[in-house]
């Protein structure tokens, strides 16, 4: 693992977009095999970890994002938490679809107007 090439990004927005895109990909792989409970759990947990990082970043006092954007991100993260809890109990295509769509929309939004 240590010999794997490192990925470099021009800026934080690009790096964040890649993280959301990667999470969407992992969720999509799990969605394609909902009978694999371990795979579904790992994908949901990975996505929840990403959103936990977003929650912590948004809540940080030094965060310079506009208040409305921070509120929207917090609302989305709460929704993601609820969907994740449902998905861990009963993984459905609809739950995975909603999480994938959120991540892809965030990723695309981060890459706009660069």
PDB file of N, CA and C in Angstrom:
ATOM      1  N   UNK A   1       0.804  -1.190   0.000  1.00  0.00           N
ATOM      2  CA  UNK A   1       0.000   0.000   0.000  1.00  0.00           C
ATOM      3  C   UNK A   1       0.850   1.258   0.000  1.00  0.00           C
ATOM      4  N   UNK A   2       1.948   1.247   0.687  1.00  0.00           N
ATOM      5  CA  UNK A   2       2.779   2.437   0.779  1.00  0.00           C
ATOM      6  C   UNK A   2       3.365   2.811  -0.580  1.00  0.00           C
ATOM      7  N   UNK A   3       3.471   1.843  -1.483  1.00  0.00           N
ATOM      8  CA  UNK A   3       4.048   2.104  -2.801  1.00  0.00           C
ATOM      9  C   UNK A   3       3.029   2.600  -3.817  1.00  0.00           C
ATOM     10  N   UNK A   4       1.757   2.658  -3.420  1.00  0.00           N
ATOM     11  CA  UNK A   4       0.731   3.133  -4.341  1.00  0.00           C
ATOM     12  C   UNK A   4       0.944   4.604  -4.633  1.00  0.00           C
ATOM     13  N   UNK A   5       0.714   5.014  -5.889  1.00  0.00           N
ATOM     14  CA  UNK A   5       0.900   6.437  -6.218  1.00  0.00           C
ATOM     15  C   UNK A   5      -0.101   7.305  -5.472  1.00  0.00           C
ATOM     16  N   UNK A   6       0.349   8.461  -5.082  1.00  0.00           N
ATOM     17  CA  UNK A   6      -0.517   9.412  -4.394  1.00  0.00           C
ATOM     18  C   UNK A   6      -1.258  10.238  -5.438  1.00  0.00           C
ATOM     19  N   UNK A   7      -2.496  10.562  -5.150  1.00  0.00           N
ATOM     20  CA  UNK A   7      -3.292  11.403  -6.026  1.00  0.00           C
ATOM     21  C   UNK A   7      -3.128  12.831  -5.539  1.00  0.00           C
ATOM     22  N   UNK A   8      -2.873  13.741  -6.469  1.00  0.00           N
ATOM     23  CA  UNK A   8      -2.753  15.130  -6.050  1.00  0.00           C
ATOM     24  C   UNK A   8      -3.893  15.940  -6.651  1.00  0.00           C
ATOM     25  N   UNK A   9      -4.304  16.955  -5.935  1.00  0.00           N
ATOM     26  CA  UNK A   9      -5.415  17.802  -6.350  1.00  0.00           C
ATOM     27  C   UNK A   9      -4.946  19.243  -6.401  1.00  0.00           C
ATOM     28  N   UNK A  10      -5.538  19.991  -7.312  1.00  0.00           N
ATOM     29  CA  UNK A  10      -5.180  21.396  -7.440  1.00  0.00           C
ATOM     30  C   UNK A  10      -5.724  22.231  -6.288  1.00  0.00           C
ATOM     31  N   UNK A  11      -6.864  21.812  -5.728  1.00  0.00           N
ATOM     32  CA  UNK A  11      -7.451  22.588  -4.643  1.00  0.00           C
ATOM     33  C   UNK A  11      -8.362  21.699  -3.789  1.00  0.00           C
ATOM     34  N   UNK A  12      -8.808  22.248  -2.679  1.00  0.00           N
ATOM     35  CA  UNK A  12      -9.636  21.487  -1.733  1.00  0.00           C
ATOM     36  C   UNK A  12     -10.988  21.105  -2.341  1.00  0.00           C
ATOM     37  N   UNK A  13     -11.563  21.986  -3.151  1.00  0.00           N
ATOM     38  CA  UNK A  13     -12.856  21.673  -3.773  1.00  0.00           C
ATOM     39  C   UNK A  13     -12.745  20.428  -4.658  1.00  0.00           C
ATOM     40  N   UNK A  14     -11.670  20.342  -5.402  1.00  0.00           N
ATOM     41  CA  UNK A  14     -11.450  19.182  -6.271  1.00  0.00           C
ATOM     42  C   UNK A  14     -11.292  17.911  -5.434  1.00  0.00           C
ATOM     43  N   UNK A  15     -10.571  18.016  -4.338  1.00  0.00           N
ATOM     44  CA  UNK A  15     -10.371  16.873  -3.451  1.00  0.00           C
ATOM     45  C   UNK A  15     -11.705  16.446  -2.824  1.00  0.00           C
ATOM     46  N   UNK A  16     -12.492  17.407  -2.359  1.00  0.00           N
ATOM     47  CA  UNK A  16     -13.795  17.096  -1.772  1.00  0.00           C
ATOM     48  C   UNK A  16     -14.721  16.454  -2.802  1.00  0.00           C
ATOM     49  N   UNK A  17     -14.701  16.976  -4.025  1.00  0.00           N
ATOM     50  CA  UNK A  17     -15.531  16.417  -5.094  1.00  0.00           C
ATOM     51  C   UNK A  17     -15.152  14.956  -5.355  1.00  0.00           C
ATOM     52  N   UNK A  18     -13.861  14.676  -5.348  1.00  0.00           N
ATOM     53  CA  UNK A  18     -13.395  13.302  -5.560  1.00  0.00           C
ATOM     54  C   UNK A  18     -13.858  12.389  -4.432  1.00  0.00           C
ATOM     55  N   UNK A  19     -13.866  12.896  -3.201  1.00  0.00           N
ATOM     56  CA  UNK A  19     -14.312  12.083  -2.058  1.00  0.00           C
ATOM     57  C   UNK A  19     -15.790  11.722  -2.196  1.00  0.00           C
ATOM     58  N   UNK A  20     -16.616  12.698  -2.577  1.00  0.00           N
ATOM     59  CA  UNK A  20     -18.044  12.421  -2.764  1.00  0.00           C
ATOM     60  C   UNK A  20     -18.288  11.473  -3.935  1.00  0.00           C
ATOM     61  N   UNK A  21     -17.518  11.655  -4.994  1.00  0.00           N
ATOM     62  CA  UNK A  21     -17.645  10.783  -6.156  1.00  0.00           C
ATOM     63  C   UNK A  21     -17.248   9.345  -5.802  1.00  0.00           C
ATOM     64  N   UNK A  22     -16.176   9.196  -5.038  1.00  0.00           N
ATOM     65  CA  UNK A  22     -15.727   7.874  -4.602  1.00  0.00           C
ATOM     66  C   UNK A  22     -16.784   7.211  -3.712  1.00  0.00           C
ATOM     67  N   UNK A  23     -17.358   7.966  -2.810  1.00  0.00           N
ATOM     68  CA  UNK A  23     -18.401   7.412  -1.939  1.00  0.00           C
ATOM     69  C   UNK A  23     -19.607   6.966  -2.762  1.00  0.00           C
ATOM     70  N   UNK A  24     -19.967   7.767  -3.771  1.00  0.00           N
ATOM     71  CA  UNK A  24     -21.086   7.390  -4.644  1.00  0.00           C
ATOM     72  C   UNK A  24     -20.778   6.090  -5.385  1.00  0.00           C
ATOM     73  N   UNK A  25     -19.555   5.946  -5.836  1.00  0.00           N
ATOM     74  CA  UNK A  25     -19.143   4.721  -6.543  1.00  0.00           C
ATOM     75  C   UNK A  25     -19.250   3.504  -5.622  1.00  0.00           C
ATOM     76  N   UNK A  26     -18.755   3.646  -4.399  1.00  0.00           N
ATOM     77  CA  UNK A  26     -18.794   2.534  -3.444  1.00  0.00           C
ATOM     78  C   UNK A  26     -20.240   2.158  -3.115  1.00  0.00           C
ATOM     79  N   UNK A  27     -21.085   3.173  -2.944  1.00  0.00           N
ATOM     80  CA  UNK A  27     -22.506   2.909  -2.699  1.00  0.00           C
ATOM     81  C   UNK A  27     -23.150   2.217  -3.890  1.00  0.00           C
ATOM     82  N   UNK A  28     -22.789   2.633  -5.093  1.00  0.00           N
ATOM     83  CA  UNK A  28     -23.343   2.028  -6.299  1.00  0.00           C
ATOM     84  C   UNK A  28     -22.943   0.551  -6.402  1.00  0.00           C
ATOM     85  N   UNK A  29     -21.706   0.249  -6.057  1.00  0.00           N
ATOM     86  CA  UNK A  29     -21.264  -1.151  -6.080  1.00  0.00           C
ATOM     87  C   UNK A  29     -22.083  -1.987  -5.095  1.00  0.00           C
ATOM     88  N   UNK A  30     -22.345  -1.445  -3.922  1.00  0.00           N
ATOM     89  CA  UNK A  30     -23.148  -2.164  -2.925  1.00  0.00           C
ATOM     90  C   UNK A  30     -24.588  -2.304  -3.388  1.00  0.00           C
ATOM     91  N   UNK A  31     -25.124  -1.257  -4.014  1.00  0.00           N
ATOM     92  CA  UNK A  31     -26.508  -1.291  -4.499  1.00  0.00           C
ATOM     93  C   UNK A  31     -26.713  -2.422  -5.509  1.00  0.00           C
ATOM     94  N   UNK A  32     -25.685  -2.730  -6.252  1.00  0.00           N
ATOM     95  CA  UNK A  32     -25.789  -3.781  -7.263  1.00  0.00           C
ATOM     96  C   UNK A  32     -25.825  -5.184  -6.667  1.00  0.00           C
ATOM     97  N   UNK A  33     -25.541  -5.280  -5.378  1.00  0.00           N
ATOM     98  CA  UNK A  33     -25.587  -6.582  -4.708  1.00  0.00           C
ATOM     99  C   UNK A  33     -26.122  -6.413  -3.285  1.00  0.00           C
ATOM    100  N   UNK A  34     -27.389  -6.090  -3.193  1.00  0.00           N
ATOM    101  CA  UNK A  34     -28.008  -5.827  -1.884  1.00  0.00           C
ATOM    102  C   UNK A  34     -28.042  -7.054  -0.979  1.00  0.00           C
ATOM    103  N   UNK A  35     -27.852  -8.235  -1.554  1.00  0.00           N
ATOM    104  CA  UNK A  35     -27.835  -9.451  -0.738  1.00  0.00           C
ATOM    105  C   UNK A  35     -26.535  -9.598   0.052  1.00  0.00           C
ATOM    106  N   UNK A  36     -25.514  -8.852  -0.321  1.00  0.00           N
ATOM    107  CA  UNK A  36     -24.237  -8.876   0.381  1.00  0.00           C
ATOM    108  C   UNK A  36     -24.299  -7.878   1.537  1.00  0.00           C
ATOM    109  N   UNK A  37     -24.762  -8.353   2.691  1.00  0.00           N
ATOM    110  CA  UNK A  37     -24.974  -7.443   3.829  1.00  0.00           C
ATOM    111  C   UNK A  37     -23.673  -6.802   4.300  1.00  0.00           C
ATOM    112  N   UNK A  38     -22.562  -7.540   4.251  1.00  0.00           N
ATOM    113  CA  UNK A  38     -21.279  -6.959   4.654  1.00  0.00           C
ATOM    114  C   UNK A  38     -20.872  -5.830   3.704  1.00  0.00           C
ATOM    115  N   UNK A  39     -21.041  -6.038   2.408  1.00  0.00           N
ATOM    116  CA  UNK A  39     -20.705  -5.011   1.424  1.00  0.00           C
ATOM    117  C   UNK A  39     -21.570  -3.774   1.584  1.00  0.00           C
ATOM    118  N   UNK A  40     -22.855  -3.984   1.840  1.00  0.00           N
ATOM    119  CA  UNK A  40     -23.765  -2.855   2.054  1.00  0.00           C
ATOM    120  C   UNK A  40     -23.375  -2.086   3.307  1.00  0.00           C
ATOM    121  N   UNK A  41     -23.080  -2.815   4.366  1.00  0.00           N
ATOM    122  CA  UNK A  41     -22.703  -2.160   5.620  1.00  0.00           C
ATOM    123  C   UNK A  41     -21.412  -1.354   5.446  1.00  0.00           C
ATOM    124  N   UNK A  42     -20.430  -1.926   4.766  1.00  0.00           N
ATOM    125  CA  UNK A  42     -19.165  -1.214   4.552  1.00  0.00           C
ATOM    126  C   UNK A  42     -19.376   0.047   3.728  1.00  0.00           C
ATOM    127  N   UNK A  43     -20.186  -0.038   2.685  1.00  0.00           N
ATOM    128  CA  UNK A  43     -20.442   1.126   1.833  1.00  0.00           C
ATOM    129  C   UNK A  43     -21.164   2.219   2.613  1.00  0.00           C
ATOM    130  N   UNK A  44     -22.181   1.833   3.370  1.00  0.00           N
ATOM    131  CA  UNK A  44     -22.934   2.811   4.157  1.00  0.00           C
ATOM    132  C   UNK A  44     -22.065   3.441   5.240  1.00  0.00           C
ATOM    133  N   UNK A  45     -21.235   2.649   5.875  1.00  0.00           N
ATOM    134  CA  UNK A  45     -20.348   3.144   6.922  1.00  0.00           C
ATOM    135  C   UNK A  45     -19.304   4.097   6.339  1.00  0.00           C
ATOM    136  N   UNK A  46     -18.776   3.753   5.178  1.00  0.00           N
ATOM    137  CA  UNK A  46     -17.807   4.624   4.498  1.00  0.00           C
ATOM    138  C   UNK A  46     -18.454   5.975   4.194  1.00  0.00           C
ATOM    139  N   UNK A  47     -19.646   5.941   3.650  1.00  0.00           N
ATOM    140  CA  UNK A  47     -20.356   7.174   3.322  1.00  0.00           C
ATOM    141  C   UNK A  47     -20.672   7.981   4.580  1.00  0.00           C
ATOM    142  N   UNK A  48     -21.070   7.297   5.632  1.00  0.00           N
ATOM    143  CA  UNK A  48     -21.382   7.987   6.882  1.00  0.00           C
ATOM    144  C   UNK A  48     -20.125   8.641   7.464  1.00  0.00           C
ATOM    145  N   UNK A  49     -18.983   7.999   7.321  1.00  0.00           N
ATOM    146  CA  UNK A  49     -17.735   8.592   7.789  1.00  0.00           C
ATOM    147  C   UNK A  49     -17.453   9.892   7.033  1.00  0.00           C
ATOM    148  N   UNK A  50     -17.626   9.872   5.722  1.00  0.00           N
ATOM    149  CA  UNK A  50     -17.437  11.083   4.928  1.00  0.00           C
ATOM    150  C   UNK A  50     -18.346  12.199   5.428  1.00  0.00           C
ATOM    151  N   UNK A  51     -19.605  11.886   5.635  1.00  0.00           N
ATOM    152  CA  UNK A  51     -20.556  12.906   6.092  1.00  0.00           C
ATOM    153  C   UNK A  51     -20.289  13.340   7.529  1.00  0.00           C
ATOM    154  N   UNK A  52     -19.717  12.478   8.349  1.00  0.00           N
ATOM    155  CA  UNK A  52     -19.325  12.879   9.706  1.00  0.00           C
ATOM    156  C   UNK A  52     -18.200  13.910   9.648  1.00  0.00           C
ATOM    157  N   UNK A  53     -17.297  13.739   8.706  1.00  0.00           N
ATOM    158  CA  UNK A  53     -16.216  14.707   8.512  1.00  0.00           C
ATOM    159  C   UNK A  53     -16.801  16.042   8.066  1.00  0.00           C
ATOM    160  N   UNK A  54     -17.786  15.989   7.171  1.00  0.00           N
ATOM    161  CA  UNK A  54     -18.449  17.215   6.703  1.00  0.00           C
ATOM    162  C   UNK A  54     -19.133  17.906   7.882  1.00  0.00           C
ATOM    163  N   UNK A  55     -19.842  17.142   8.703  1.00  0.00           N
ATOM    164  CA  UNK A  55     -20.517  17.716   9.880  1.00  0.00           C
ATOM    165  C   UNK A  55     -19.518  18.424  10.782  1.00  0.00           C
ATOM    166  N   UNK A  56     -18.409  17.772  11.057  1.00  0.00           N
ATOM    167  CA  UNK A  56     -17.402  18.362  11.943  1.00  0.00           C
ATOM    168  C   UNK A  56     -16.806  19.625  11.319  1.00  0.00           C
ATOM    169  N   UNK A  57     -16.556  19.591  10.028  1.00  0.00           N
ATOM    170  CA  UNK A  57     -15.979  20.746   9.341  1.00  0.00           C
ATOM    171  C   UNK A  57     -16.944  21.928   9.342  1.00  0.00           C
ATOM    172  N   UNK A  58     -18.210  21.651   9.078  1.00  0.00           N
ATOM    173  CA  UNK A  58     -19.219  22.715   9.035  1.00  0.00           C
ATOM    174  C   UNK A  58     -19.432  23.310  10.427  1.00  0.00           C
ATOM    175  N   UNK A  59     -19.359  22.494  11.451  1.00  0.00           N
ATOM    176  CA  UNK A  59     -19.600  22.959  12.818  1.00  0.00           C
ATOM    177  C   UNK A  59     -18.405  23.714  13.408  1.00  0.00           C
ATOM    178  N   UNK A  60     -17.259  23.568  12.783  1.00  0.00           N
ATOM    179  CA  UNK A  60     -16.054  24.222  13.291  1.00  0.00           C
ATOM    180  C   UNK A  60     -16.200  25.739  13.236  1.00  0.00           C
ATOM    181  N   UNK A  61     -15.811  26.387  14.278  1.00  0.00           N
ATOM    182  CA  UNK A  61     -15.947  27.840  14.374  1.00  0.00           C
ATOM    183  C   UNK A  61     -15.199  28.602  13.296  1.00  0.00           C
ATOM    184  N   UNK A  62     -14.113  28.039  12.787  1.00  0.00           N
ATOM    185  CA  UNK A  62     -13.299  28.716  11.778  1.00  0.00           C
ATOM    186  C   UNK A  62     -13.846  28.538  10.353  1.00  0.00           C
ATOM    187  N   UNK A  63     -14.904  27.765  10.196  1.00  0.00           N
ATOM    188  CA  UNK A  63     -15.453  27.519   8.859  1.00  0.00           C
ATOM    189  C   UNK A  63     -16.003  28.822   8.282  1.00  0.00           C
ATOM    190  N   UNK A  64     -15.556  29.175   7.079  1.00  0.00           N
ATOM    191  CA  UNK A  64     -15.916  30.460   6.481  1.00  0.00           C
ATOM    192  C   UNK A  64     -17.055  30.353   5.461  1.00  0.00           C
ATOM    193  N   UNK A  65     -17.652  29.182   5.340  1.00  0.00           N
ATOM    194  CA  UNK A  65     -18.778  29.045   4.421  1.00  0.00           C
ATOM    195  C   UNK A  65     -19.932  29.938   4.872  1.00  0.00           C
ATOM    196  N   UNK A  66     -20.749  30.391   3.917  1.00  0.00           N
ATOM    197  CA  UNK A  66     -21.933  31.175   4.298  1.00  0.00           C
ATOM    198  C   UNK A  66     -22.855  30.354   5.212  1.00  0.00           C
ATOM    199  N   UNK A  67     -23.508  31.046   6.140  1.00  0.00           N
ATOM    200  CA  UNK A  67     -24.368  30.370   7.115  1.00  0.00           C
ATOM    201  C   UNK A  67     -25.446  29.515   6.452  1.00  0.00           C
ATOM    202  N   UNK A  68     -26.039  30.017   5.376  1.00  0.00           N
ATOM    203  CA  UNK A  68     -27.088  29.260   4.691  1.00  0.00           C
ATOM    204  C   UNK A  68     -26.540  27.949   4.128  1.00  0.00           C
ATOM    205  N   UNK A  69     -25.341  27.996   3.556  1.00  0.00           N
ATOM    206  CA  UNK A  69     -24.727  26.782   3.014  1.00  0.00           C
ATOM    207  C   UNK A  69     -24.402  25.803   4.134  1.00  0.00           C
ATOM    208  N   UNK A  70     -23.891  26.313   5.240  1.00  0.00           N
ATOM    209  CA  UNK A  70     -23.598  25.434   6.381  1.00  0.00           C
ATOM    210  C   UNK A  70     -24.879  24.771   6.892  1.00  0.00           C
ATOM    211  N   UNK A  71     -25.964  25.533   6.973  1.00  0.00           N
ATOM    212  CA  UNK A  71     -27.242  24.970   7.430  1.00  0.00           C
ATOM    213  C   UNK A  71     -27.732  23.896   6.467  1.00  0.00           C
ATOM    214  N   UNK A  72     -27.605  24.148   5.182  1.00  0.00           N
ATOM    215  CA  UNK A  72     -28.027  23.163   4.176  1.00  0.00           C
ATOM    216  C   UNK A  72     -27.194  21.884   4.260  1.00  0.00           C
ATOM    217  N   UNK A  73     -25.896  22.038   4.450  1.00  0.00           N
ATOM    218  CA  UNK A  73     -25.031  20.861   4.571  1.00  0.00           C
ATOM    219  C   UNK A  73     -25.356  20.073   5.835  1.00  0.00           C
ATOM    220  N   UNK A  74     -25.667  20.768   6.915  1.00  0.00           N
ATOM    221  CA  UNK A  74     -26.050  20.075   8.153  1.00  0.00           C
ATOM    222  C   UNK A  74     -27.365  19.327   7.964  1.00  0.00           C
ATOM    223  N   UNK A  75     -28.309  19.951   7.287  1.00  0.00           N
ATOM    224  CA  UNK A  75     -29.594  19.284   7.016  1.00  0.00           C
ATOM    225  C   UNK A  75     -29.378  18.038   6.167  1.00  0.00           C
ATOM    226  N   UNK A  76     -28.555  18.161   5.147  1.00  0.00           N
ATOM    227  CA  UNK A  76     -28.249  16.996   4.312  1.00  0.00           C
ATOM    228  C   UNK A  76     -27.563  15.905   5.114  1.00  0.00           C
ATOM    229  N   UNK A  77     -26.658  16.285   5.996  1.00  0.00           N
ATOM    230  CA  UNK A  77     -25.942  15.275   6.772  1.00  0.00           C
ATOM    231  C   UNK A  77     -26.882  14.549   7.730  1.00  0.00           C
ATOM    232  N   UNK A  78     -27.862  15.252   8.263  1.00  0.00           N
ATOM    233  CA  UNK A  78     -28.858  14.606   9.120  1.00  0.00           C
ATOM    234  C   UNK A  78     -29.692  13.618   8.301  1.00  0.00           C
ATOM    235  N   UNK A  79     -30.075  14.035   7.096  1.00  0.00           N
ATOM    236  CA  UNK A  79     -30.813  13.142   6.208  1.00  0.00           C
ATOM    237  C   UNK A  79     -29.972  11.905   5.882  1.00  0.00           C
ATOM    238  N   UNK A  80     -28.687  12.116   5.584  1.00  0.00           N
ATOM    239  CA  UNK A  80     -27.792  10.993   5.274  1.00  0.00           C
ATOM    240  C   UNK A  80     -27.710  10.053   6.474  1.00  0.00           C
ATOM    241  N   UNK A  81     -27.598  10.604   7.676  1.00  0.00           N
ATOM    242  CA  UNK A  81     -27.557   9.766   8.883  1.00  0.00           C
ATOM    243  C   UNK A  81     -28.813   8.907   9.007  1.00  0.00           C
ATOM    244  N   UNK A  82     -29.977   9.524   8.768  1.00  0.00           N
ATOM    245  CA  UNK A  82     -31.240   8.778   8.868  1.00  0.00           C
ATOM    246  C   UNK A  82     -31.331   7.696   7.796  1.00  0.00           C
ATOM    247  N   UNK A  83     -30.938   8.034   6.576  1.00  0.00           N
ATOM    248  CA  UNK A  83     -30.977   7.054   5.493  1.00  0.00           C
ATOM    249  C   UNK A  83     -29.994   5.918   5.772  1.00  0.00           C
ATOM    250  N   UNK A  84     -28.852   6.259   6.324  1.00  0.00           N
ATOM    251  CA  UNK A  84     -27.849   5.242   6.640  1.00  0.00           C
ATOM    252  C   UNK A  84     -28.380   4.281   7.694  1.00  0.00           C
ATOM    253  N   UNK A  85     -29.014   4.816   8.723  1.00  0.00           N
ATOM    254  CA  UNK A  85     -29.591   3.969   9.773  1.00  0.00           C
ATOM    255  C   UNK A  85     -30.630   3.020   9.181  1.00  0.00           C
ATOM    256  N   UNK A  86     -31.491   3.559   8.313  1.00  0.00           N
ATOM    257  CA  UNK A  86     -32.489   2.701   7.643  1.00  0.00           C
ATOM    258  C   UNK A  86     -31.808   1.649   6.781  1.00  0.00           C
ATOM    259  N   UNK A  87     -30.783   2.082   6.042  1.00  0.00           N
ATOM    260  CA  UNK A  87     -30.083   1.171   5.138  1.00  0.00           C
ATOM    261  C   UNK A  87     -29.348   0.063   5.866  1.00  0.00           C
ATOM    262  N   UNK A  88     -28.813   0.365   7.029  1.00  0.00           N
ATOM    263  CA  UNK A  88     -28.135  -0.678   7.800  1.00  0.00           C
ATOM    264  C   UNK A  88     -29.118  -1.724   8.286  1.00  0.00           C
ATOM    265  N   UNK A  89     -30.340  -1.310   8.603  1.00  0.00           N
ATOM    266  CA  UNK A  89     -31.370  -2.242   9.066  1.00  0.00           C
ATOM    267  C   UNK A  89     -32.006  -3.007   7.910  1.00  0.00           C
ATOM    268  N   UNK A  90     -32.226  -2.306   6.801  1.00  0.00           N
ATOM    269  CA  UNK A  90     -32.907  -2.910   5.646  1.00  0.00           C
ATOM    270  C   UNK A  90     -32.439  -2.219   4.364  1.00  0.00           C
ATOM    271  N   UNK A  91     -31.332  -2.690   3.796  1.00  0.00           N
ATOM    272  CA  UNK A  91     -30.801  -2.038   2.599  1.00  0.00           C
ATOM    273  C   UNK A  91     -31.750  -2.189   1.408  1.00  0.00           C
ATOM    274  N   UNK A  92     -32.128  -1.040   0.836  1.00  0.00           N
ATOM    275  CA  UNK A  92     -32.984  -1.056  -0.349  1.00  0.00           C
ATOM    276  C   UNK A  92     -32.331  -0.216  -1.440  1.00  0.00           C
ATOM    277  N   UNK A  93     -32.738  -0.485  -2.652  1.00  0.00           N
ATOM    278  CA  UNK A  93     -32.222   0.265  -3.788  1.00  0.00           C
ATOM    279  C   UNK A  93     -32.540   1.752  -3.656  1.00  0.00           C
ATOM    280  N   UNK A  94     -33.716   2.068  -3.133  1.00  0.00           N
ATOM    281  CA  UNK A  94     -34.132   3.464  -2.992  1.00  0.00           C
ATOM    282  C   UNK A  94     -33.216   4.235  -2.035  1.00  0.00           C
ATOM    283  N   UNK A  95     -32.843   3.602  -0.942  1.00  0.00           N
ATOM    284  CA  UNK A  95     -31.942   4.255   0.022  1.00  0.00           C
ATOM    285  C   UNK A  95     -30.599   4.522  -0.628  1.00  0.00           C
ATOM    286  N   UNK A  96     -30.072   3.516  -1.293  1.00  0.00           N
ATOM    287  CA  UNK A  96     -28.782   3.697  -1.955  1.00  0.00           C
ATOM    288  C   UNK A  96     -28.880   4.752  -3.053  1.00  0.00           C
ATOM    289  N   UNK A  97     -29.967   4.735  -3.812  1.00  0.00           N
ATOM    290  CA  UNK A  97     -30.151   5.736  -4.873  1.00  0.00           C
ATOM    291  C   UNK A  97     -30.132   7.147  -4.308  1.00  0.00           C
ATOM    292  N   UNK A  98     -30.818   7.364  -3.195  1.00  0.00           N
ATOM    293  CA  UNK A  98     -30.873   8.713  -2.630  1.00  0.00           C
ATOM    294  C   UNK A  98     -29.487   9.165  -2.173  1.00  0.00           C
ATOM    295  N   UNK A  99     -28.740   8.282  -1.544  1.00  0.00           N
ATOM    296  CA  UNK A  99     -27.403   8.639  -1.076  1.00  0.00           C
ATOM    297  C   UNK A  99     -26.444   8.874  -2.248  1.00  0.00           C
ATOM    298  N   UNK A 100     -26.537   8.039  -3.252  1.00  0.00           N
ATOM    299  CA  UNK A 100     -25.696   8.202  -4.443  1.00  0.00           C
ATOM    300  C   UNK A 100     -25.989   9.542  -5.107  1.00  0.00           C
ATOM    301  N   UNK A 101     -27.255   9.852  -5.280  1.00  0.00           N
ATOM    302  CA  UNK A 101     -27.632  11.105  -5.938  1.00  0.00           C
ATOM    303  C   UNK A 101     -27.150  12.329  -5.156  1.00  0.00           C
ATOM    304  N   UNK A 102     -27.270  12.296  -3.851  1.00  0.00           N
ATOM    305  CA  UNK A 102     -26.782  13.407  -3.030  1.00  0.00           C
ATOM    306  C   UNK A 102     -25.284  13.594  -3.245  1.00  0.00           C
ATOM    307  N   UNK A 103     -24.538  12.509  -3.144  1.00  0.00           N
ATOM    308  CA  UNK A 103     -23.084  12.603  -3.290  1.00  0.00           C
ATOM    309  C   UNK A 103     -22.680  13.103  -4.674  1.00  0.00           C
ATOM    310  N   UNK A 104     -23.337  12.600  -5.705  1.00  0.00           N
ATOM    311  CA  UNK A 104     -22.989  13.035  -7.061  1.00  0.00           C
ATOM    312  C   UNK A 104     -23.346  14.500  -7.283  1.00  0.00           C
ATOM    313  N   UNK A 105     -24.478  14.934  -6.737  1.00  0.00           N
ATOM    314  CA  UNK A 105     -24.857  16.344  -6.870  1.00  0.00           C
ATOM    315  C   UNK A 105     -23.872  17.255  -6.149  1.00  0.00           C
ATOM    316  N   UNK A 106     -23.448  16.852  -4.966  1.00  0.00           N
ATOM    317  CA  UNK A 106     -22.461  17.639  -4.224  1.00  0.00           C
ATOM    318  C   UNK A 106     -21.146  17.676  -5.011  1.00  0.00           C
ATOM    319  N   UNK A 107     -20.724  16.542  -5.510  1.00  0.00           N
ATOM    320  CA  UNK A 107     -19.479  16.471  -6.270  1.00  0.00           C
ATOM    321  C   UNK A 107     -19.529  17.391  -7.490  1.00  0.00           C
ATOM    322  N   UNK A 108     -20.616  17.311  -8.233  1.00  0.00           N
ATOM    323  CA  UNK A 108     -20.758  18.153  -9.424  1.00  0.00           C
ATOM    324  C   UNK A 108     -20.778  19.635  -9.047  1.00  0.00           C
ATOM    325  N   UNK A 109     -21.461  19.967  -7.966  1.00  0.00           N
ATOM    326  CA  UNK A 109     -21.535  21.361  -7.519  1.00  0.00           C
ATOM    327  C   UNK A 109     -20.161  21.895  -7.124  1.00  0.00           C
ATOM    328  N   UNK A 110     -19.358  21.063  -6.518  1.00  0.00           N
ATOM    329  CA  UNK A 110     -18.013  21.487  -6.129  1.00  0.00           C
ATOM    330  C   UNK A 110     -17.122  21.766  -7.337  1.00  0.00           C
ATOM    331  N   UNK A 111     -17.383  21.074  -8.425  1.00  0.00           N
ATOM    332  CA  UNK A 111     -16.547  21.236  -9.610  1.00  0.00           C
ATOM    333  C   UNK A 111     -17.016  22.372 -10.533  1.00  0.00           C
ATOM    334  N   UNK A 112     -18.215  22.880 -10.287  1.00  0.00           N
ATOM    335  CA  UNK A 112     -18.723  24.000 -11.102  1.00  0.00           C
ATOM    336  C   UNK A 112     -17.950  25.267 -10.791  1.00  0.00           C
ATOM    337  N   UNK A 113     -17.832  26.114 -11.787  1.00  0.00           N
ATOM    338  CA  UNK A 113     -17.246  27.457 -11.634  1.00  0.00           C
ATOM    339  C   UNK A 113     -15.861  27.447 -11.003  1.00  0.00           C
ATOM    340  N   UNK A 114     -15.053  26.509 -11.422  1.00  0.00           N
ATOM    341  CA  UNK A 114     -13.679  26.499 -10.871  1.00  0.00           C
ATOM    342  C   UNK A 114     -12.774  27.330 -11.706  1.00  0.00           C
TER     343      UNK A 114
END
